[in-house]
C-alpha atoms as a PDB file:
ATOM      1  CA  MET A   1       0.761 -27.347  82.087  1.00  0.00           C
ATOM      2  CA  MET A   2       1.774 -30.851  81.065  1.00  0.00           C
ATOM      3  CA  LYS A   3       1.447 -33.467  83.789  1.00  0.00           C
ATOM      4  CA  LYS A   4       3.889 -36.366  83.980  1.00  0.00           C
ATOM      5  CA  MET A   5       2.278 -39.748  84.232  1.00  0.00           C
ATOM      6  CA  GLU A   6       2.396 -41.350  87.663  1.00  0.00           C
ATOM      7  CA  SER A   7       3.934 -44.711  88.417  1.00  0.00           C
ATOM      8  CA  GLY A   8       1.746 -47.583  87.300  1.00  0.00           C
ATOM      9  CA  GLN A   9      -0.031 -45.550  84.666  1.00  0.00           C
ATOM     10  CA  ASP A  10       0.768 -46.112  81.041  1.00  0.00           C
ATOM     11  CA  GLU A  11       0.027 -44.408  77.804  1.00  0.00           C
ATOM     12  CA  SER A  12      -2.718 -46.892  76.896  1.00  0.00           C
ATOM     13  CA  GLN A  13      -4.950 -45.504  79.676  1.00  0.00           C
ATOM     14  CA  VAL A  14      -4.500 -41.973  78.385  1.00  0.00           C
ATOM     15  CA  LEU A  15      -5.203 -43.047  74.810  1.00  0.00           C
ATOM     16  CA  GLU A  16      -8.294 -44.943  75.997  1.00  0.00           C
ATOM     17  CA  ILE A  17      -9.803 -41.871  77.653  1.00  0.00           C
ATOM     18  CA  ALA A  18      -8.815 -39.730  74.658  1.00  0.00           C
ATOM     19  CA  MET A  19     -10.658 -42.159  72.364  1.00  0.00           C
ATOM     20  CA  GLU A  20     -13.694 -42.186  74.639  1.00  0.00           C
ATOM     21  CA  ALA A  21     -13.793 -38.382  74.616  1.00  0.00           C
ATOM     22  CA  GLY A  22     -13.454 -38.398  70.827  1.00  0.00           C
ATOM     23  CA  HIS A  23     -16.173 -41.050  70.537  1.00  0.00           C
ATOM     24  CA  ILE A  24     -18.653 -38.957  72.536  1.00  0.00           C
ATOM     25  CA  LEU A  25     -17.854 -35.848  70.505  1.00  0.00           C
ATOM     26  CA  LEU A  26     -18.078 -37.542  67.116  1.00  0.00           C
ATOM     27  CA  GLU A  27     -21.324 -39.425  67.713  1.00  0.00           C
ATOM     28  CA  ASN A  28     -23.006 -36.265  68.985  1.00  0.00           C
ATOM     29  CA  GLY A  29     -22.300 -34.001  66.029  1.00  0.00           C
ATOM     30  CA  ALA A  30     -18.850 -32.453  66.586  1.00  0.00           C
ATOM     31  CA  GLU A  31     -16.725 -31.661  63.553  1.00  0.00           C
ATOM     32  CA  ILE A  32     -13.558 -33.672  62.831  1.00  0.00           C
ATOM     33  CA  ALA A  33     -11.098 -30.887  63.714  1.00  0.00           C
ATOM     34  CA  ARG A  34     -12.676 -30.481  67.173  1.00  0.00           C
ATOM     35  CA  VAL A  35     -12.470 -34.222  67.853  1.00  0.00           C
ATOM     36  CA  GLU A  36      -8.789 -34.394  66.883  1.00  0.00           C
ATOM     37  CA  GLU A  37      -7.922 -31.258  68.875  1.00  0.00           C
ATOM     38  CA  THR A  38      -9.596 -32.574  72.037  1.00  0.00           C
ATOM     39  CA  MET A  39      -7.877 -35.965  71.812  1.00  0.00           C
ATOM     40  CA  GLU A  40      -4.490 -34.352  71.224  1.00  0.00           C
ATOM     41  CA  ARG A  41      -5.020 -31.962  74.138  1.00  0.00           C
ATOM     42  CA  ILE A  42      -5.688 -34.825  76.556  1.00  0.00           C
ATOM     43  CA  CYS A  43      -2.671 -36.831  75.368  1.00  0.00           C
ATOM     44  CA  ARG A  44      -0.338 -33.827  75.437  1.00  0.00           C
ATOM     45  CA  HIS A  45      -1.315 -33.000  79.015  1.00  0.00           C
ATOM     46  CA  PHE A  46      -0.347 -36.490  80.224  1.00  0.00           C
ATOM     47  CA  GLY A  47       2.911 -36.612  78.262  1.00  0.00           C
ATOM     48  CA  VAL A  48       1.864 -38.944  75.447  1.00  0.00           C
ATOM     49  CA  GLU A  49       3.598 -37.130  72.615  1.00  0.00           C
ATOM     50  CA  TYR A  50       3.829 -39.807  69.928  1.00  0.00           C
ATOM     51  CA  GLU A  51       0.182 -40.427  69.155  1.00  0.00           C
ATOM     52  CA  ASN A  52      -1.633 -40.518  65.820  1.00  0.00           C
ATOM     53  CA  PHE A  53      -5.365 -40.077  65.315  1.00  0.00           C
ATOM     54  CA  PHE A  54      -7.205 -40.683  62.070  1.00  0.00           C
ATOM     55  CA  VAL A  55     -10.793 -39.523  62.525  1.00  0.00           C
ATOM     56  CA  LEU A  56     -13.569 -40.153  60.014  1.00  0.00           C
ATOM     57  CA  SER A  57     -17.243 -39.285  60.309  1.00  0.00           C
ATOM     58  CA  ASN A  58     -18.002 -42.824  61.537  1.00  0.00           C
ATOM     59  CA  GLY A  59     -14.763 -44.098  63.038  1.00  0.00           C
ATOM     60  CA  ILE A  60     -11.591 -43.303  64.978  1.00  0.00           C
ATOM     61  CA  PHE A  61      -8.209 -44.979  64.349  1.00  0.00           C
ATOM     62  CA  THR A  62      -5.629 -44.475  67.116  1.00  0.00           C
ATOM     63  CA  THR A  63      -2.006 -45.501  67.500  1.00  0.00           C
ATOM     64  CA  GLY A  64       0.442 -44.319  70.145  1.00  0.00           C
ATOM     65  CA  ASN A  65       3.795 -44.727  71.825  1.00  0.00           C
ATOM     66  CA  ARG A  66       5.102 -42.683  74.698  1.00  0.00           C
ATOM     67  CA  SER A  67       8.779 -42.736  73.782  1.00  0.00           C
ATOM     68  CA  GLY A  68       8.616 -42.602  69.996  1.00  0.00           C
ATOM     69  CA  ASP A  69      11.375 -45.202  69.634  1.00  0.00           C
ATOM     70  CA  GLY A  70       9.248 -48.304  70.192  1.00  0.00           C
ATOM     71  CA  THR A  71      10.392 -48.869  73.795  1.00  0.00           C
ATOM     72  CA  GLY A  72       7.435 -47.278  75.550  1.00  0.00           C
ATOM     73  CA  GLY A  73       4.777 -49.772  74.581  1.00  0.00           C
ATOM     74  CA  GLN A  74       2.643 -49.763  71.468  1.00  0.00           C
ATOM     75  CA  TYR A  75      -1.075 -48.998  71.330  1.00  0.00           C
ATOM     76  CA  ALA A  76      -3.491 -49.395  68.432  1.00  0.00           C
ATOM     77  CA  LYS A  77      -7.279 -49.362  68.401  1.00  0.00           C
ATOM     78  CA  VAL A  78     -10.150 -48.790  65.980  1.00  0.00           C
ATOM     79  CA  GLN A  79     -13.665 -47.745  67.012  1.00  0.00           C
ATOM     80  CA  HIS A  80     -16.676 -47.739  64.709  1.00  0.00           C
ATOM     81  CA  ILE A  81     -19.083 -44.889  65.415  1.00  0.00           C
ATOM     82  CA  PRO A  82     -22.436 -45.017  63.593  1.00  0.00           C
ATOM     83  CA  VAL A  83     -23.741 -41.768  62.115  1.00  0.00           C
ATOM     84  CA  LYS A  84     -26.548 -40.479  64.374  1.00  0.00           C
ATOM     85  CA  GLY A  85     -28.229 -37.268  65.461  1.00  0.00           C
ATOM     86  CA  ALA A  86     -26.564 -34.456  67.372  1.00  0.00           C
ATOM     87  CA  GLN A  87     -26.742 -33.896  71.133  1.00  0.00           C
ATOM     88  CA  LEU A  88     -24.733 -30.709  71.490  1.00  0.00           C
ATOM     89  CA  ASP A  89     -24.883 -30.499  75.294  1.00  0.00           C
ATOM     90  CA  LYS A  90     -22.567 -33.528  75.405  1.00  0.00           C
ATOM     91  CA  VAL A  91     -20.188 -31.851  72.959  1.00  0.00           C
ATOM     92  CA  VAL A  92     -20.076 -28.780  75.200  1.00  0.00           C
ATOM     93  CA  ALA A  93     -19.490 -30.952  78.295  1.00  0.00           C
ATOM     94  CA  VAL A  94     -16.545 -32.818  76.737  1.00  0.00           C
ATOM     95  CA  ASN A  95     -15.005 -29.558  75.486  1.00  0.00           C
ATOM     96  CA  GLN A  96     -15.233 -28.099  78.975  1.00  0.00           C
ATOM     97  CA  LEU A  97     -13.775 -31.268  80.489  1.00  0.00           C
ATOM     98  CA  SER A  98     -10.775 -31.170  78.126  1.00  0.00           C
ATOM     99  CA  ARG A  99      -9.969 -27.621  79.201  1.00  0.00           C
ATOM    100  CA  GLU A 100     -10.259 -28.530  82.875  1.00  0.00           C
ATOM    101  CA  ILE A 101      -7.922 -31.472  82.247  1.00  0.00           C
ATOM    102  CA  GLU A 102      -5.325 -29.064  80.877  1.00  0.00           C
ATOM    103  CA  GLU A 103      -5.684 -26.994  84.041  1.00  0.00           C
ATOM    104  CA  GLY A 104      -4.763 -30.095  86.078  1.00  0.00           C
ATOM    105  CA  ARG A 105      -8.094 -30.559  87.852  1.00  0.00           C
ATOM    106  CA  TYR A 106      -8.501 -34.288  87.109  1.00  0.00           C
ATOM    107  CA  GLY A 107      -6.544 -37.505  87.338  1.00  0.00           C
ATOM    108  CA  ILE A 108      -7.011 -40.529  85.070  1.00  0.00           C
ATOM    109  CA  GLU A 109      -9.730 -42.198  87.174  1.00  0.00           C
ATOM    110  CA  GLN A 110     -11.630 -38.951  87.670  1.00  0.00           C
ATOM    111  CA  ILE A 111     -11.627 -38.352  83.926  1.00  0.00           C
ATOM    112  CA  LYS A 112     -13.057 -41.830  83.323  1.00  0.00           C
ATOM    113  CA  GLU A 113     -15.855 -41.108  85.807  1.00  0.00           C
ATOM    114  CA  GLU A 114     -16.601 -37.748  84.156  1.00  0.00           C
ATOM    115  CA  LEU A 115     -16.759 -39.332  80.701  1.00  0.00           C
ATOM    116  CA  VAL A 116     -19.193 -41.966  81.986  1.00  0.00           C
ATOM    117  CA  ARG A 117     -21.314 -39.200  83.508  1.00  0.00           C
ATOM    118  CA  ILE A 118     -21.314 -37.240  80.236  1.00  0.00           C
ATOM    119  CA  ARG A 119     -22.214 -40.326  78.185  1.00  0.00           C
ATOM    120  CA  GLN A 120     -25.155 -41.005  80.509  1.00  0.00           C
ATOM    121  CA  MET A 121     -26.497 -37.441  80.352  1.00  0.00           C
ATOM    122  CA  PRO A 122     -30.192 -37.759  79.516  1.00  0.00           C
ATOM    123  CA  GLY A 123     -31.611 -36.319  76.330  1.00  0.00           C
ATOM    124  CA  LYS A 124     -34.684 -34.146  76.165  1.00  0.00           C
ATOM    125  CA  GLY A 125     -37.993 -35.780  77.072  1.00  0.00           C
ATOM    126  CA  PHE A 126     -40.501 -37.053  74.540  1.00  0.00           C
ATOM    127  CA  LEU A 127     -42.975 -34.205  75.087  1.00  0.00           C
ATOM    128  CA  VAL A 128     -40.270 -31.518  74.947  1.00  0.00           C
ATOM    129  CA  GLN A 129     -38.973 -32.847  71.630  1.00  0.00           C
ATOM    130  CA  VAL A 130     -42.354 -33.084  69.925  1.00  0.00           C
ATOM    131  CA  LEU A 131     -43.354 -29.622  71.187  1.00  0.00           C
ATOM    132  CA  ALA A 132     -40.058 -28.175  69.948  1.00  0.00           C
ATOM    133  CA  SER A 133     -40.671 -29.806  66.566  1.00  0.00           C
ATOM    134  CA  GLY A 134     -44.157 -28.326  66.360  1.00  0.00           C
ATOM    135  CA  ILE A 135     -43.052 -24.849  67.429  1.00  0.00           C
ATOM    136  CA  GLY A 136     -40.090 -24.912  65.057  1.00  0.00           C
ATOM    137  CA  SER A 137     -42.313 -25.959  62.157  1.00  0.00           C
ATOM    138  CA  ALA A 138     -44.819 -23.190  62.899  1.00  0.00           C
ATOM    139  CA  CYS A 139     -42.101 -20.549  63.196  1.00  0.00           C
ATOM    140  CA  PHE A 140     -40.404 -21.544  59.945  1.00  0.00           C
ATOM    141  CA  CYS A 141     -43.752 -21.614  58.156  1.00  0.00           C
ATOM    142  CA  TYR A 142     -44.459 -18.054  59.311  1.00  0.00           C
ATOM    143  CA  LEU A 143     -40.937 -16.830  58.495  1.00  0.00           C
ATOM    144  CA  LEU A 144     -41.199 -18.261  54.977  1.00  0.00           C
ATOM    145  CA  GLY A 145     -44.394 -16.341  54.264  1.00  0.00           C
ATOM    146  CA  GLY A 146     -47.176 -18.486  55.671  1.00  0.00           C
ATOM    147  CA  SER A 147     -50.156 -17.018  57.500  1.00  0.00           C
ATOM    148  CA  LEU A 148     -51.010 -17.642  61.153  1.00  0.00           C
ATOM    149  CA  VAL A 149     -53.466 -20.353  60.110  1.00  0.00           C
ATOM    150  CA  ASP A 150     -50.795 -21.995  57.937  1.00  0.00           C
ATOM    151  CA  SER A 151     -48.450 -21.887  60.929  1.00  0.00           C
ATOM    152  CA  MET A 152     -51.029 -23.590  63.149  1.00  0.00           C
ATOM    153  CA  VAL A 153     -51.354 -26.410  60.616  1.00  0.00           C
ATOM    154  CA  ALA A 154     -47.545 -26.633  60.394  1.00  0.00           C
ATOM    155  CA  PHE A 155     -47.407 -26.887  64.195  1.00  0.00           C
ATOM    156  CA  GLY A 156     -49.763 -29.894  64.157  1.00  0.00           C
ATOM    157  CA  ALA A 157     -47.921 -31.557  61.269  1.00  0.00           C
ATOM    158  CA  GLY A 158     -44.515 -31.000  62.889  1.00  0.00           C
ATOM    159  CA  PHE A 159     -45.831 -32.317  66.208  1.00  0.00           C
ATOM    160  CA  LEU A 160     -47.150 -35.518  64.589  1.00  0.00           C
ATOM    161  CA  LEU A 161     -43.992 -35.882  62.492  1.00  0.00           C
ATOM    162  CA  TYR A 162     -41.680 -35.984  65.489  1.00  0.00           C
ATOM    163  CA  MET A 163     -43.979 -38.334  67.351  1.00  0.00           C
ATOM    164  CA  PHE A 164     -43.529 -40.689  64.389  1.00  0.00           C
ATOM    165  CA  VAL A 165     -39.730 -40.145  64.369  1.00  0.00           C
ATOM    166  CA  LEU A 166     -39.328 -40.851  68.093  1.00  0.00           C
ATOM    167  CA  LEU A 167     -41.676 -43.853  68.122  1.00  0.00           C
ATOM    168  CA  THR A 168     -39.766 -45.480  65.251  1.00  0.00           C
ATOM    169  CA  ASP A 169     -36.282 -44.711  66.646  1.00  0.00           C
ATOM    170  CA  LYS A 170     -35.990 -48.059  68.433  1.00  0.00           C
ATOM    171  CA  SER A 171     -37.381 -50.064  65.551  1.00  0.00           C
ATOM    172  CA  HIS A 172     -35.398 -51.609  62.718  1.00  0.00           C
ATOM    173  CA  ILE A 173     -36.791 -49.214  60.119  1.00  0.00           C
ATOM    174  CA  SER A 174     -34.006 -47.917  57.904  1.00  0.00           C
ATOM    175  CA  LYS A 175     -33.130 -44.233  57.831  1.00  0.00           C
ATOM    176  CA  ILE A 176     -34.198 -44.027  54.190  1.00  0.00           C
ATOM    177  CA  THR A 177     -37.632 -45.510  54.896  1.00  0.00           C
ATOM    178  CA  LYS A 178     -38.119 -43.296  57.952  1.00  0.00           C
ATOM    179  CA  ASN A 179     -37.430 -40.104  55.993  1.00  0.00           C
ATOM    180  CA  LEU A 180     -39.609 -41.207  53.085  1.00  0.00           C
ATOM    181  CA  CYS A 181     -42.478 -41.930  55.459  1.00  0.00           C
ATOM    182  CA  GLY A 182     -41.867 -38.699  57.392  1.00  0.00           C
ATOM    183  CA  GLY A 183     -42.104 -36.580  54.243  1.00  0.00           C
ATOM    184  CA  ALA A 184     -45.243 -38.444  53.157  1.00  0.00           C
ATOM    185  CA  LEU A 185     -46.859 -38.099  56.614  1.00  0.00           C
ATOM    186  CA  VAL A 186     -46.315 -34.343  56.740  1.00  0.00           C
ATOM    187  CA  THR A 187     -47.741 -33.932  53.236  1.00  0.00           C
ATOM    188  CA  LEU A 188     -50.786 -36.070  54.049  1.00  0.00           C
ATOM    189  CA  VAL A 189     -51.579 -34.029  57.179  1.00  0.00           C
ATOM    190  CA  CYS A 190     -51.200 -30.730  55.303  1.00  0.00           C
ATOM    191  CA  ILE A 191     -53.335 -31.926  52.370  1.00  0.00           C
ATOM    192  CA  CYS A 192     -56.112 -33.090  54.702  1.00  0.00           C
ATOM    193  CA  CYS A 193     -56.117 -29.804  56.599  1.00  0.00           C
ATOM    194  CA  TYR A 194     -56.064 -27.802  53.370  1.00  0.00           C
ATOM    195  CA  ARG A 195     -58.976 -29.774  51.934  1.00  0.00           C
ATOM    196  CA  LEU A 196     -60.936 -29.142  55.147  1.00  0.00           C
ATOM    197  CA  GLY A 197     -60.403 -25.398  54.769  1.00  0.00           C
ATOM    198  CA  ALA A 198     -57.611 -24.951  57.311  1.00  0.00           C
ATOM    199  CA  GLY A 199     -54.709 -23.070  55.819  1.00  0.00           C
ATOM    200  CA  GLU A 200     -54.217 -20.764  52.863  1.00  0.00           C
ATOM    201  CA  ASP A 201     -50.990 -21.924  51.193  1.00  0.00           C
ATOM    202  CA  ILE A 202     -50.172 -25.621  51.238  1.00  0.00           C
ATOM    203  CA  SER A 203     -46.591 -25.102  50.050  1.00  0.00           C
ATOM    204  CA  HIS A 204     -45.750 -22.948  53.066  1.00  0.00           C
ATOM    205  CA  MET A 205     -47.380 -25.459  55.397  1.00  0.00           C
ATOM    206  CA  ILE A 206     -45.386 -28.384  54.003  1.00  0.00           C
ATOM    207  CA  ILE A 207     -42.074 -26.527  53.851  1.00  0.00           C
ATOM    208  CA  GLY A 208     -42.401 -25.421  57.468  1.00  0.00           C
ATOM    209  CA  SER A 209     -43.468 -28.888  58.614  1.00  0.00           C
ATOM    210  CA  ILE A 210     -40.530 -30.798  57.113  1.00  0.00           C
ATOM    211  CA  ILE A 211     -37.903 -28.568  58.781  1.00  0.00           C
ATOM    212  CA  PRO A 212     -37.436 -31.012  61.742  1.00  0.00           C
ATOM    213  CA  LEU A 213     -36.230 -33.638  59.243  1.00  0.00           C
ATOM    214  CA  VAL A 214     -33.585 -31.348  57.709  1.00  0.00           C
ATOM    215  CA  PRO A 215     -30.076 -32.425  58.906  1.00  0.00           C
ATOM    216  CA  GLY A 216     -28.682 -28.932  59.346  1.00  0.00           C
ATOM    217  CA  VAL A 217     -25.861 -29.886  61.750  1.00  0.00           C
ATOM    218  CA  ALA A 218     -24.618 -32.727  59.528  1.00  0.00           C
ATOM    219  CA  PHE A 219     -24.757 -30.550  56.411  1.00  0.00           C
ATOM    220  CA  THR A 220     -22.905 -27.662  58.091  1.00  0.00           C
ATOM    221  CA  ASN A 221     -20.252 -29.950  59.610  1.00  0.00           C
ATOM    222  CA  GLY A 222     -19.753 -31.614  56.234  1.00  0.00           C
ATOM    223  CA  ILE A 223     -18.951 -28.245  54.672  1.00  0.00           C
ATOM    224  CA  ARG A 224     -16.641 -27.336  57.576  1.00  0.00           C
ATOM    225  CA  ASP A 225     -14.814 -30.657  57.274  1.00  0.00           C
ATOM    226  CA  LEU A 226     -14.279 -30.066  53.557  1.00  0.00           C
ATOM    227  CA  ALA A 227     -13.001 -26.565  54.294  1.00  0.00           C
ATOM    228  CA  ASP A 228     -10.563 -28.032  56.864  1.00  0.00           C
ATOM    229  CA  GLY A 229      -9.246 -30.542  54.315  1.00  0.00           C
ATOM    230  CA  ASP A 230     -11.028 -33.598  55.792  1.00  0.00           C
ATOM    231  CA  TYR A 231     -12.404 -34.589  52.403  1.00  0.00           C
ATOM    232  CA  ILE A 232     -13.469 -38.164  53.224  1.00  0.00           C
ATOM    233  CA  SER A 233     -15.405 -37.212  56.355  1.00  0.00           C
ATOM    234  CA  GLY A 234     -16.870 -34.109  54.745  1.00  0.00           C
ATOM    235  CA  ALA A 235     -18.028 -36.072  51.694  1.00  0.00           C
ATOM    236  CA  VAL A 236     -19.625 -38.779  53.881  1.00  0.00           C
ATOM    237  CA  ARG A 237     -21.522 -36.248  55.982  1.00  0.00           C
ATOM    238  CA  LEU A 238     -22.660 -34.292  52.944  1.00  0.00           C
ATOM    239  CA  LEU A 239     -23.770 -37.497  51.226  1.00  0.00           C
ATOM    240  CA  ASP A 240     -25.760 -38.504  54.304  1.00  0.00           C
ATOM    241  CA  ALA A 241     -27.415 -35.064  54.444  1.00  0.00           C
ATOM    242  CA  VAL A 242     -28.188 -35.037  50.711  1.00  0.00           C
ATOM    243  CA  LEU A 243     -29.693 -38.521  51.002  1.00  0.00           C
ATOM    244  CA  VAL A 244     -32.041 -37.238  53.725  1.00  0.00           C
ATOM    245  CA  PHE A 245     -33.039 -34.267  51.547  1.00  0.00           C
ATOM    246  CA  LEU A 246     -33.714 -36.593  48.636  1.00  0.00           C
ATOM    247  CA  CYS A 247     -35.789 -39.052  50.687  1.00  0.00           C
ATOM    248  CA  VAL A 248     -37.930 -36.288  52.190  1.00  0.00           C
ATOM    249  CA  ALA A 249     -38.514 -34.796  48.734  1.00  0.00           C
ATOM    250  CA  ILE A 250     -39.497 -38.200  47.328  1.00  0.00           C
ATOM    251  CA  GLY A 251     -41.935 -38.750  50.221  1.00  0.00           C
ATOM    252  CA  VAL A 252     -43.575 -35.363  49.609  1.00  0.00           C
ATOM    253  CA  GLY A 253     -43.726 -35.911  45.843  1.00  0.00           C
ATOM    254  CA  ALA A 254     -45.115 -39.417  46.199  1.00  0.00           C
ATOM    255  CA  MET A 255     -48.003 -38.186  48.359  1.00  0.00           C
ATOM    256  CA  PHE A 256     -48.862 -35.461  45.841  1.00  0.00           C
ATOM    257  CA  LEU A 257     -48.775 -38.079  43.065  1.00  0.00           C
ATOM    258  CA  ILE A 258     -51.129 -40.369  45.006  1.00  0.00           C
ATOM    259  CA  TYR A 259     -53.514 -37.455  45.602  1.00  0.00           C
ATOM    260  CA  HIS A 260     -53.491 -36.604  41.899  1.00  0.00           C
ATOM    261  CA  ARG A 261     -54.150 -40.228  40.902  1.00  0.00           C
ATOM    262  CA  VAL A 262     -57.017 -40.638  43.379  1.00  0.00           C
ATOM    263  CA  PHE A 263     -58.753 -37.243  43.236  1.00  0.00           C
ATOM    264  CA  GLY A 264     -57.375 -35.669  40.077  1.00  0.00           C
ATOM    265  CA  GLY A 265     -56.370 -32.044  39.698  1.00  0.00           C
ATOM    266  CA  ILE A 266     -53.682 -30.220  41.624  1.00  0.00           C
ATOM    267  CA  LEU A 267     -53.553 -28.334  44.925  1.00  0.00           C
ATOM    268  CA  LEU A 268     -52.936 -24.593  44.659  1.00  0.00           C
END
């Protein structure tokens, strides 16, 4: 049920919280249609009917007017949102909040407090992330045809890979360099283990180990955005995902080339 705005409140406050909700969703991996729907739901509940949102994969453009005839005050704002990894628990929390707003459970100030709480939700710990990376690498290696020994090597390579990713997150290393180095690191670990007699199929070990670098959420959302007609955002997300794929492949290939130049022969 739509709630009329109380005295002293104006549409700019509603549009501000709608943009903040959209910001949290977009930077944590939500697709464009979900971001727009959530922002519109919040505005509609508080009676802001003449709003316009233009959402891209790395930015939100918002304009609004409560009356539609220019007498209710104008609002315009642009927010830049860098492309980053997904944290889907925050997406779920904002979606739930938007539905509770429609049920009339929150006022403007309460919504602001909830959005601050959601933004400050902690991510998974360092050890949990590296263990998840190792386990995921081992499982994918086994599912793709690797043996148990191959999977154990993939676990170690995936574990070390995500340690590298997390330790370089706060540095100024570019995304391209990080993915190149990540692909090379995984390949180096797998080659060393294979040469020492651990593992039976180096291709399965490497494929399983690089899975934590694969941007599955970005790639899937890019396709969904294209299917929804958001061609600019879909193309940007797909380009970002393809660039990651390319960098990882170059890192793996470069390490094989170095091995061939130094030791000669190929690994089978």
